[in-house]
Protein backbone atom coordinates (compact mmCIF):
# COMPACT_ATOMS: atom_id res chain seq x y z
CA MET A 1 0.00 0.00 0.00
CA SER A 2 1.33 3.41 -0.96
CA VAL A 3 0.88 6.56 1.08
CA LEU A 4 0.38 9.56 -1.23
CA ALA A 5 0.44 13.21 -0.29
CA ALA A 6 -3.13 14.50 -0.06
CA PRO A 7 -4.13 17.91 -1.46
CA GLY A 8 -3.29 20.63 1.05
CA SER A 9 -1.08 18.32 3.15
CA PRO A 10 2.50 19.28 4.11
CA ALA A 11 5.04 18.89 1.37
CA ALA A 12 6.23 15.31 1.09
CA SER A 13 9.86 14.57 1.76
CA PRO A 14 11.52 12.15 -0.64
CA PRO A 15 12.63 8.80 0.78
CA VAL A 16 16.30 8.48 1.65
CA PHE A 17 18.40 5.39 1.05
CA SER A 18 21.93 6.64 1.63
CA PRO A 19 23.68 5.84 4.95
CA HIS A 20 23.91 9.55 5.77
CA GLY A 21 20.25 10.17 4.99
CA ILE A 22 19.08 7.16 6.99
CA THR A 23 21.11 8.22 10.01
CA ALA A 24 19.78 11.78 9.84
CA LEU A 25 16.15 10.66 9.75
CA ALA A 26 16.66 8.02 12.41
CA ARG A 27 17.86 10.74 14.79
CA ARG A 28 14.64 12.75 14.38
CA ILE A 29 13.07 10.75 17.15
CA ARG A 30 10.27 13.22 17.90
CA GLU A 31 8.71 12.74 14.46
CA PRO A 32 7.06 9.68 12.93
CA VAL A 33 9.24 7.89 10.40
CA HIS A 34 8.22 5.52 7.61
CA VAL A 35 10.16 2.48 6.47
CA VAL A 36 9.86 2.38 2.70
CA SER A 37 11.10 0.18 -0.09
CA GLY A 38 12.82 1.41 -3.23
CA PRO A 39 11.63 1.02 -6.82
CA ASP A 40 13.03 -2.50 -7.05
CA GLY A 41 11.20 -3.58 -3.90
CA ARG A 42 14.39 -4.75 -2.23
CA GLU A 43 16.19 -1.62 -1.08
CA LEU A 44 14.94 -0.21 2.23
CA GLY A 45 15.05 3.42 3.29
CA LEU A 46 13.24 5.98 5.41
CA ALA A 47 10.84 8.83 4.79
CA ALA A 48 9.45 11.56 7.02
CA GLY A 49 5.98 12.95 6.51
CA PRO A 50 3.81 11.75 3.61
CA SER A 51 5.68 9.40 1.31
CA PRO A 52 5.66 10.43 -2.36
CA GLY A 53 4.84 6.99 -3.61
CA GLY A 54 7.31 4.49 -2.28
CA ARG A 55 5.83 1.42 -0.66
CA VAL A 56 5.45 1.98 3.08
CA LEU A 57 6.35 -1.16 4.98
CA GLY A 58 5.88 0.27 8.46
CA THR A 59 5.67 3.43 10.50
CA LEU A 60 7.21 4.25 13.84
CA PRO A 61 5.46 6.89 15.95
CA PRO A 62 7.35 9.72 17.68
CA LEU A 63 9.61 8.69 20.55
CA TYR A 64 10.48 10.88 23.52
CA PRO A 65 12.94 10.21 26.34
CA GLU A 66 10.02 10.64 28.73
CA TRP A 67 8.39 7.53 27.24
CA LEU A 68 11.26 5.10 27.65
CA GLY A 69 10.17 3.69 31.00
CA GLY A 70 6.88 2.90 32.67
CA ARG A 71 4.43 5.78 32.66
CA THR A 72 3.10 4.71 36.06
CA PHE A 73 6.49 5.54 37.59
CA CYS A 74 6.29 9.14 36.39
CA GLU A 75 2.68 9.44 37.53
CA ALA A 76 3.37 7.95 40.95
CA HIS A 77 6.32 10.23 41.69
CA GLY A 78 5.23 13.41 39.95
CA VAL A 79 8.12 13.46 37.49
CA ARG A 80 8.53 13.97 33.77
CA PHE A 81 11.38 11.51 33.23
CA PRO A 82 11.79 7.90 34.43
CA TYR A 83 15.20 8.72 35.85
CA VAL A 84 16.62 8.84 39.38
CA ALA A 85 19.87 10.31 40.68
CA GLY A 86 20.76 7.72 43.28
CA GLU A 87 21.91 8.36 46.81
CA MET A 88 25.67 8.42 47.21
CA ALA A 89 26.67 8.00 50.83
CA ASN A 90 28.37 10.53 53.09
CA GLY A 91 26.44 13.31 51.46
CA ILE A 92 28.18 12.94 48.09
CA ALA A 93 24.65 13.10 46.69
CA THR A 94 24.14 16.60 48.09
CA THR A 95 21.05 18.64 48.81
CA ALA A 96 22.02 20.77 45.78
CA MET A 97 21.93 17.66 43.61
CA VAL A 98 18.53 16.60 44.92
CA SER A 99 17.13 20.10 44.48
CA ALA A 100 18.44 20.37 40.90
CA MET A 101 16.85 17.06 39.98
CA ALA A 102 13.52 17.99 41.53
CA GLN A 103 13.40 21.29 39.68
CA ALA A 104 14.17 19.45 36.42
CA ASP A 105 11.14 17.18 36.98
CA MET A 106 13.26 14.19 37.92
CA LEU A 107 13.85 12.40 41.20
CA GLY A 108 16.96 12.48 43.36
CA PHE A 109 17.94 11.14 46.77
CA PHE A 110 20.19 12.70 49.38
CA GLY A 111 23.04 10.38 50.41
CA ALA A 112 22.41 10.04 54.16
CA GLY A 113 24.36 6.81 54.60
CA GLY A 114 27.44 7.15 56.79
CA LEU A 115 26.53 10.61 58.09
CA ALA A 116 25.94 11.62 61.69
CA TYR A 117 22.34 12.18 62.65
CA THR A 118 22.78 15.94 62.92
CA ASP A 119 24.09 16.12 59.34
CA VAL A 120 21.09 14.17 58.05
CA GLU A 121 18.73 16.35 60.06
CA ARG A 122 20.28 19.52 58.61
CA ALA A 123 19.95 18.19 55.06
CA VAL A 124 16.33 17.14 55.54
CA HIS A 125 15.37 20.55 56.85
CA THR A 126 17.19 22.24 53.96
CA LEU A 127 15.38 20.15 51.36
CA ALA A 128 12.00 20.52 53.02
CA HIS A 129 12.46 24.30 53.01
CA GLU A 130 13.67 24.48 49.39
CA LEU A 131 11.29 21.98 47.81
CA GLY A 132 8.22 22.38 49.98
CA PRO A 133 5.28 20.23 48.82
CA ARG A 134 7.06 18.77 45.78
CA PRO A 135 6.73 14.97 45.79
CA ASN A 136 9.86 14.27 43.70
CA TRP A 137 12.67 14.30 46.23
CA GLY A 138 13.87 11.94 48.86
CA VAL A 139 16.46 10.77 51.35
CA ASN A 140 18.29 7.49 51.74
CA LEU A 141 17.60 5.13 54.64
CA ILE A 142 20.56 2.77 54.74
CA HIS A 143 20.59 -0.43 56.75
CA SER A 144 22.96 0.03 59.69
CA PRO A 145 23.44 -3.37 61.36
CA ALA A 146 26.16 -1.95 63.63
CA GLU A 147 24.03 1.08 64.55
CA PRO A 148 20.35 0.06 64.73
CA ALA A 149 19.54 3.02 66.98
CA LEU A 150 20.84 5.44 64.33
CA GLU A 151 18.79 3.67 61.64
CA SER A 152 15.68 4.08 63.78
CA ARG A 153 16.42 7.76 64.54
CA VAL A 154 16.86 8.55 60.86
CA ALA A 155 13.61 6.74 60.04
CA GLU A 156 11.78 8.79 62.69
CA LEU A 157 13.28 11.99 61.26
CA LEU A 158 12.17 11.19 57.73
CA LEU A 159 8.63 10.47 58.88
CA ARG A 160 8.40 13.46 61.20
CA CYS A 161 9.59 15.85 58.49
CA GLY A 162 7.31 14.37 55.83
CA VAL A 163 10.06 13.32 53.42
CA PRO A 164 7.97 12.16 50.43
CA ARG A 165 10.31 9.50 49.03
CA ILE A 166 12.68 7.13 50.81
CA SER A 167 15.30 4.94 49.16
CA ALA A 168 15.99 1.88 51.30
CA SER A 169 19.40 0.38 50.58
CA ALA A 170 21.81 -2.31 51.83
CA PHE A 171 19.05 -4.17 53.65
CA MET A 172 19.46 -7.92 53.96
CA GLU A 173 16.39 -8.37 56.16
CA LEU A 174 13.44 -6.16 56.90
CA THR A 175 13.94 -4.10 60.04
CA PRO A 176 11.44 -2.26 62.25
CA ALA A 177 12.72 1.05 60.88
CA VAL A 178 12.13 0.25 57.21
CA VAL A 179 8.69 -1.29 57.89
CA TRP A 180 7.75 1.77 59.97
CA CYS A 181 8.62 4.05 57.05
CA ALA A 182 6.65 1.92 54.60
CA ALA A 183 3.51 1.57 56.72
CA ARG A 184 3.20 4.96 58.40
CA GLY A 185 0.39 7.02 56.90
CA LEU A 186 -1.32 4.23 54.95
CA ARG A 187 -5.02 4.90 54.47
CA ARG A 188 -7.97 4.13 52.25
CA GLY A 189 -8.75 6.57 49.49
CA ALA A 190 -12.22 7.60 48.35
CA ASP A 191 -12.17 4.82 45.74
CA GLY A 192 -11.20 2.19 48.31
CA ASP A 193 -7.59 1.96 47.12
CA ILE A 194 -4.81 2.00 49.67
CA VAL A 195 -2.98 5.33 49.56
CA ARG A 196 0.63 5.75 50.66
CA ARG A 197 1.82 8.93 52.34
CA THR A 198 5.47 7.96 51.91
CA ARG A 199 6.67 6.04 48.86
CA MET A 200 9.63 3.73 49.24
CA LEU A 201 12.09 2.61 46.58
CA ALA A 202 13.91 -0.50 47.78
CA LYS A 203 17.33 -1.16 46.30
CA VAL A 204 18.06 -4.90 46.06
CA SER A 205 20.49 -7.20 44.28
CA ARG A 206 19.29 -10.61 45.45
CA PRO A 207 15.97 -12.36 44.85
CA GLU A 208 15.60 -13.36 48.50
CA VAL A 209 15.88 -9.72 49.59
CA ALA A 210 13.57 -8.60 46.79
CA GLU A 211 10.97 -11.08 47.99
CA ARG A 212 10.87 -9.45 51.43
CA PHE A 213 10.16 -6.02 49.96
CA LEU A 214 7.70 -7.43 47.41
CA SER A 215 5.69 -9.13 50.16
CA PRO A 216 3.48 -7.48 52.79
CA ALA A 217 5.24 -6.57 56.01
CA PRO A 218 5.11 -9.48 58.48
CA ALA A 219 3.02 -9.30 61.64
CA ALA A 220 6.15 -9.99 63.68
CA LEU A 221 7.37 -6.51 62.76
CA LEU A 222 4.04 -4.70 62.50
CA ASP A 223 2.59 -5.75 65.88
CA PRO A 224 5.47 -4.37 68.00
CA LEU A 225 5.26 -1.08 66.09
CA VAL A 226 1.57 -0.87 66.98
CA ALA A 227 2.31 -1.74 70.60
CA GLN A 228 4.92 1.04 70.71
CA GLY A 229 2.46 3.55 69.28
CA LYS A 230 4.47 4.02 66.10
CA LEU A 231 1.69 2.64 63.91
CA THR A 232 -2.08 2.58 64.31
CA ARG A 233 -3.90 -0.71 64.09
CA GLU A 234 -5.46 0.44 60.80
CA GLU A 235 -2.05 1.23 59.32
CA ALA A 236 -0.80 -2.23 60.31
CA GLU A 237 -3.87 -3.90 58.80
CA LEU A 238 -3.42 -2.02 55.52
CA ALA A 239 0.32 -2.80 55.51
CA ALA A 240 -0.60 -6.50 55.50
CA LEU A 241 -2.36 -5.98 52.15
CA VAL A 242 0.32 -4.20 50.14
CA PRO A 243 4.02 -4.79 49.39
CA VAL A 244 6.56 -3.07 51.59
CA ALA A 245 7.74 -1.19 48.49
CA GLU A 246 5.98 -0.55 45.19
CA ASP A 247 9.25 0.35 43.48
CA ILE A 248 12.06 -2.22 43.49
CA THR A 249 15.40 -0.98 42.19
CA VAL A 250 17.45 -3.91 40.92
CA GLU A 251 21.09 -3.07 41.52
CA ALA A 252 23.65 -4.77 39.30
CA ASP A 253 27.39 -4.14 39.01
CA SER A 254 27.52 -0.79 40.79
CA GLY A 255 29.93 1.30 42.79
CA GLY A 256 29.88 0.82 46.55
CA HIS A 257 27.84 -2.10 47.87
CA THR A 258 27.35 -4.59 45.05
CA ASP A 259 27.11 -8.27 44.27
CA ASN A 260 28.71 -7.66 40.83
CA ARG A 261 25.86 -9.41 39.04
CA PRO A 262 25.08 -8.39 35.44
CA LEU A 263 21.81 -6.50 35.01
CA SER A 264 20.74 -8.77 32.14
CA VAL A 265 20.67 -11.69 34.59
CA VAL A 266 19.32 -10.26 37.82
CA LEU A 267 16.62 -7.89 36.51
CA PRO A 268 14.62 -10.53 34.57
CA ARG A 269 14.93 -12.90 37.53
CA ILE A 270 13.44 -10.37 39.93
CA THR A 271 10.80 -9.33 37.39
CA VAL A 272 9.52 -12.92 37.27
CA LEU A 273 9.56 -13.00 41.08
CA ARG A 274 7.57 -9.73 41.11
CA ASP A 275 4.93 -11.22 38.83
CA THR A 276 4.65 -14.36 40.96
CA LEU A 277 4.22 -12.44 44.20
CA CYS A 278 1.77 -9.93 42.73
CA ARG A 279 -0.45 -12.86 41.71
CA ARG A 280 0.00 -14.58 45.07
CA TYR A 281 -1.04 -11.58 47.11
CA GLY A 282 -3.58 -10.19 44.65
CA TYR A 283 -2.15 -6.68 44.57
CA ARG A 284 -4.31 -4.16 42.72
CA ARG A 285 -1.25 -2.25 41.47
CA THR A 286 1.75 -3.76 39.76
CA VAL A 287 5.06 -3.19 41.49
CA ARG A 288 7.50 -1.24 39.33
CA ILE A 289 10.99 -2.62 38.68
CA GLY A 290 13.87 -0.19 38.18
CA ALA A 291 17.47 -0.72 37.12
CA ALA A 292 20.69 0.49 38.72
CA GLY A 293 24.37 -0.32 38.34
CA GLY A 294 26.51 -0.10 35.24
CA LEU A 295 24.49 2.77 33.74
CA GLY A 296 27.02 5.26 32.43
CA THR A 297 26.22 5.48 28.72
CA PRO A 298 23.10 5.77 26.54
CA ASP A 299 23.64 2.18 25.38
CA ALA A 300 23.42 0.91 28.94
CA VAL A 301 20.37 3.02 29.76
CA ALA A 302 18.60 1.90 26.58
CA ALA A 303 19.44 -1.72 27.41
CA ALA A 304 17.96 -1.33 30.90
CA PHE A 305 14.69 -0.06 29.48
CA ALA A 306 14.73 -2.83 26.86
CA LEU A 307 14.99 -5.35 29.71
CA GLY A 308 11.73 -3.95 31.07
CA ALA A 309 12.91 -1.42 33.64
CA SER A 310 10.28 1.17 34.55
CA TYR A 311 13.00 3.61 35.58
CA VAL A 312 16.78 3.86 35.85
CA VAL A 313 18.93 4.93 38.79
CA VAL A 314 22.32 6.46 38.01
CA GLY A 315 25.03 6.73 40.66
CA SER A 316 28.78 6.49 40.01
CA VAL A 317 28.97 8.98 37.14
CA ASN A 318 27.13 11.62 39.16
CA GLN A 319 30.11 11.80 41.51
CA THR A 320 31.78 13.94 38.85
CA ALA A 321 28.78 16.29 38.62
CA THR A 322 29.25 19.90 39.67
CA GLU A 323 26.79 19.41 42.54
CA ALA A 324 28.48 16.29 43.93
CA GLY A 325 29.96 16.52 47.43
CA LEU A 326 33.36 15.21 46.41
CA SER A 327 36.67 17.07 46.24
CA ASP A 328 38.06 18.31 42.94
CA GLU A 329 41.02 15.96 43.44
CA ALA A 330 38.74 12.93 43.75
CA LYS A 331 36.61 14.04 40.79
CA ALA A 332 39.77 14.34 38.67
CA MET A 333 40.73 10.78 39.61
CA LEU A 334 37.29 9.57 38.55
CA CYS A 335 37.56 11.46 35.26
CA ASP A 336 40.76 9.50 34.47
CA ALA A 337 39.19 6.08 35.16
CA ASP A 338 38.60 3.39 32.57
CA ILE A 339 36.30 0.39 32.90
CA ALA A 340 38.96 -1.86 34.49
CA ASP A 341 40.11 0.70 37.06
CA VAL A 342 37.90 -0.63 39.86
CA THR A 343 38.28 -3.31 42.49
CA MET A 344 36.61 -4.74 45.61
CA ALA A 345 37.54 -3.66 49.14
CA PRO A 346 36.22 -4.16 52.69
CA ALA A 347 33.21 -2.05 53.64
CA ALA A 348 33.42 0.17 56.70
CA ASP A 349 29.79 -0.27 57.75
CA MET A 350 29.87 -4.08 57.52
CA PHE A 351 33.56 -4.71 58.19
CA GLU A 352 33.04 -7.52 60.70
CA LEU A 353 30.69 -9.35 58.32
CA GLY A 354 33.29 -9.39 55.56
CA VAL A 355 31.09 -7.39 53.19
CA ARG A 356 33.00 -5.79 50.32
CA LEU A 357 32.24 -2.86 48.07
CA GLN A 358 33.46 -1.66 44.68
CA VAL A 359 35.91 1.25 44.64
CA LEU A 360 38.25 3.09 42.33
CA SER A 361 41.68 1.45 42.07
CA ARG A 362 43.44 3.88 39.73
CA GLY A 363 45.55 6.41 41.63
CA THR A 364 44.74 5.12 45.11
CA LEU A 365 46.05 2.32 47.35
CA PHE A 366 42.95 2.20 49.52
CA ALA A 367 41.79 -1.27 48.44
CA GLN A 368 45.13 -2.94 49.14
CA ARG A 369 45.58 -1.20 52.48
CA ALA A 370 42.03 -1.88 53.64
CA GLY A 371 42.53 -5.50 52.60
CA ARG A 372 45.58 -5.76 54.85
CA LEU A 373 43.56 -4.51 57.80
CA HIS A 374 40.77 -6.99 57.20
CA ALA A 375 43.22 -9.86 56.81
CA ALA A 376 44.74 -8.93 60.18
CA TYR A 377 41.28 -8.76 61.72
CA ARG A 378 40.39 -12.23 60.46
CA ALA A 379 43.66 -13.76 61.63
CA HIS A 380 43.86 -12.34 65.15
CA GLY A 381 41.67 -11.94 68.20
CA SER A 382 42.88 -8.54 69.33
CA LEU A 383 45.30 -5.74 68.55
CA GLU A 384 47.72 -7.17 71.11
CA GLU A 385 47.88 -10.52 69.28
CA ILE A 386 49.09 -8.97 66.02
CA PRO A 387 52.80 -9.81 65.49
CA SER A 388 55.13 -6.87 66.00
CA ALA A 389 56.37 -6.85 62.39
CA LEU A 390 52.83 -6.74 60.99
CA ARG A 391 51.82 -4.17 63.57
CA ALA A 392 54.71 -1.91 62.57
CA LEU A 393 53.75 -2.21 58.91
CA LEU A 394 50.10 -1.36 59.53
CA GLU A 395 50.95 1.55 61.79
CA ARG A 396 53.51 2.98 59.37
CA ASP A 397 51.99 2.33 55.93
CA VAL A 398 48.23 2.27 56.55
CA LEU A 399 47.18 4.08 59.72
CA ARG A 400 50.23 6.36 59.93
CA ALA A 401 49.87 6.34 63.71
CA PRO A 402 50.18 3.82 66.57
CA PHE A 403 47.21 1.61 67.37
CA ASP A 404 46.80 3.33 70.73
CA GLU A 405 46.56 6.77 69.16
CA ILE A 406 43.98 5.58 66.64
CA TRP A 407 42.00 3.99 69.46
CA GLN A 408 41.87 7.32 71.28
CA ARG A 409 40.55 9.03 68.14
CA THR A 410 38.06 6.22 67.64
CA ARG A 411 36.92 6.38 71.23
CA ALA A 412 36.30 10.11 70.99
CA PHE A 413 34.21 9.57 67.83
CA TRP A 414 32.01 6.87 69.36
CA GLU A 415 31.55 8.75 72.61
CA GLN A 416 29.72 11.35 70.53
CA ARG A 417 27.94 8.99 68.14
CA ASP A 418 27.11 5.88 70.18
CA PRO A 419 28.78 5.31 73.60
CA SER A 420 27.55 1.70 73.69
CA GLU A 421 30.22 0.89 71.10
CA ILE A 422 32.89 1.88 73.65
CA THR A 423 31.34 -0.33 76.29
CA ARG A 424 31.24 -3.24 73.87
CA ALA A 425 34.85 -2.67 72.78
CA GLN A 426 36.06 -2.68 76.38
CA ALA A 427 34.46 -6.09 76.88
CA ASP A 428 35.42 -7.52 73.48
CA PRO A 429 39.04 -7.00 72.28
CA LYS A 430 38.21 -8.16 68.77
CA HIS A 431 35.49 -5.54 68.47
CA ARG A 432 37.97 -2.94 69.68
CA MET A 433 40.31 -4.04 66.88
CA ALA A 434 37.47 -3.75 64.36
CA LEU A 435 36.70 -0.20 65.47
CA VAL A 436 40.34 0.83 65.13
CA PHE A 437 40.57 -0.61 61.64
CA ARG A 438 37.18 0.86 60.68
CA TRP A 439 38.63 4.27 61.57
CA TYR A 440 40.82 4.00 58.48
CA LEU A 441 37.96 2.89 56.24
CA GLY A 442 35.68 5.64 57.47
CA SER A 443 38.36 8.31 57.31
CA SER A 444 39.43 7.36 53.79
CA SER A 445 36.09 8.33 52.31
CA ARG A 446 36.14 11.64 54.20
CA TRP A 447 39.65 12.36 52.87
CA ALA A 448 38.27 11.96 49.33
CA ILE A 449 35.40 14.30 50.14
CA THR A 450 37.58 17.00 51.68
CA GLY A 451 40.49 16.51 49.27
CA ASP A 452 43.15 15.89 51.93
CA ALA A 453 46.26 16.00 49.73
CA ALA A 454 48.40 14.26 52.35
CA ARG A 455 46.12 11.20 52.19
CA ARG A 456 45.47 11.15 48.45
CA ALA A 457 46.86 7.61 48.16
CA ASP A 458 44.25 6.53 50.72
CA PHE A 459 41.18 8.02 49.01
CA GLN A 460 38.22 5.65 49.12
CA ILE A 461 36.05 6.49 46.11
CA TRP A 462 33.05 4.28 45.42
CA CYS A 463 33.01 3.52 41.72
CA GLY A 464 31.77 0.94 39.24
CA PRO A 465 32.97 0.24 35.69
CA ALA A 466 30.24 2.55 34.38
CA MET A 467 32.50 5.48 35.27
CA GLY A 468 35.08 4.39 32.72
CA ALA A 469 32.45 3.84 30.07
CA PHE A 470 31.06 7.32 30.74
CA ASN A 471 34.51 8.89 30.38
CA ARG A 472 35.02 7.24 27.00
CA TRP A 473 31.57 8.35 25.82
CA VAL A 474 32.00 12.03 26.75
CA ALA A 475 35.64 12.37 25.59
CA GLY A 476 36.00 15.36 23.29
CA THR A 477 32.45 16.59 23.93
CA VAL A 478 30.87 19.32 26.01
CA LEU A 479 30.63 16.92 28.96
CA ALA A 480 34.34 16.20 28.91
CA GLU A 481 34.81 19.45 30.82
CA PRO A 482 33.91 18.84 34.50
CA ALA A 483 32.49 22.36 34.80
CA ASN A 484 29.76 21.37 32.32
CA ARG A 485 28.78 18.17 34.12
CA SER A 486 25.70 19.24 36.03
CA VAL A 487 23.62 16.34 37.28
CA VAL A 488 20.74 17.47 35.05
CA GLN A 489 22.90 17.68 31.90
CA ILE A 490 24.21 14.19 32.58
CA ALA A 491 20.66 12.91 32.99
CA LEU A 492 19.22 14.63 29.92
CA ASN A 493 22.06 13.43 27.69
CA LEU A 494 21.82 9.85 28.91
CA LEU A 495 18.06 9.84 28.29
CA GLU A 496 18.26 11.58 24.91
CA GLY A 497 20.98 9.20 23.81
CA ALA A 498 18.99 6.20 25.03
CA ALA A 499 16.00 7.36 22.97
CA VAL A 500 18.15 7.82 19.85
CA LEU A 501 19.63 4.34 20.25
CA THR A 502 16.21 2.83 20.94
CA ARG A 503 14.87 4.29 17.69
CA ALA A 504 17.88 2.91 15.81
CA HIS A 505 17.32 -0.57 17.23
CA GLN A 506 13.62 -0.39 16.35
CA LEU A 507 14.48 0.42 12.74
CA ARG A 508 17.05 -2.34 12.62
CA THR A 509 14.34 -4.87 13.45
CA TYR A 510 12.56 -3.71 10.28
CA GLY A 511 15.65 -4.58 8.28
CA VAL A 512 16.68 -0.98 7.61
CA PRO A 513 20.43 -0.92 6.84
CA LEU A 514 21.58 1.50 9.52
CA PRO A 515 25.28 2.46 9.48
CA PRO A 516 27.30 2.37 12.73
CA ASP A 517 26.88 6.15 13.17
CA ALA A 518 23.17 5.64 13.76
CA PHE A 519 24.00 3.77 16.98
CA THR A 520 25.97 6.62 18.52
CA TYR A 521 24.97 9.76 20.33
CA THR A 522 27.27 12.69 21.06
CA PRO A 523 26.55 14.66 24.25
CA CYS A 524 25.52 18.28 23.81
CA GLU A 525 23.98 21.11 25.83
CA LEU A 526 20.31 20.26 26.35
CA ALA A 527 17.44 22.23 27.85
């Protein structure tokens, strides 16, 4: 069937069959495009607008970056784009970053993990003042197995201040704090649907953890919260009918805490689990599945949406954004990274459990030095048991101070943050050793944030291979200059590029002979 230009219709554009012409039309994603055949019926090309007579084999409608994910995500969170700037701990994801994302009709989370309560409180008040009733901003609630009281205090703060979105991360089990945040304020709407006051996005990397957030909160956690007056009986009853979180962020090979699993494996697995549990519990709304980890280029973002992600969460590359709370020295190190310049190292917050996280290896010795400390912790029962030669090495090359001096610094820190840790350390020599060694791990991330030149070789910078991929993509473009890397420009370019690549892949399935240039997108200044 031929499509002919009707009288009075816009002027028809002739079909194009050259590689250059095909690429140019493929990039016009906001217009419909026709796949047409040439006079011999075998050559395929493209046409925009009414075709002047070539056989139209198919038509693709306009495509916008806003449409790449699930529309219900944008509706639920009051955003234009299915894109989230993820929380980066120790305030690296700053209030300025969250505010910029909110004002650009996207969603961002403040990185509360690792911060003292007073720092989190200050950030929450700042955001509440700047963003007011906007629904599209949030704060991270990180699982703190070594500091459950802090986790609970932060949860209470977020609820008391009406933080509209909470990103729950690093949880291995549900805790009273995370269930409290999910259930508080549940009510029935006029139509009988259950309405959430606070929406939670749960970041997971394992099916067994995903199942806990996809299921209703258990009575064993809800009942004590009711008894303590933290939940009403009605809130607990409604919480038994809905999942703990209606947005599950599947985290793949990311910076920081990660299981190093590829997104193409773990996201489909958890999507199937989501479908099974939604049927089992008869939820009236489908839980949305998002993607995180390894997203540093348009190709990766487009692939995440192709896998079925309703939204994407970008982290590592935003550490080089102008709004990121990281020193210029650390940002420069990240800008030099390639995809292989990362490694695994012990985590400060879960040191005793042997949990590891992904960090930058290029230009820093943090991973090796932290590994030495953890090896000593595993092999010995106390600081006093460490052989003198090893002790001298650790004091000279890693801590740069005697164990006793570091213990005094550590003691002063915990006296302010949680005195029970001092009591425990006095009764348990191995815990005392862990606290001394954790001083180095905790300090190393602060040195990267403040840019302590004397400890540059000890910078702990959370980073996944996506950082290297991002650097290669932006080389020689407007985003190669760090001063141009606002969090919003990074987001808009990743989304625009993902839409361009998605259109190219759609056309390829029609058999259109797209040249390699059609599968590339060069960053530019976007509004």
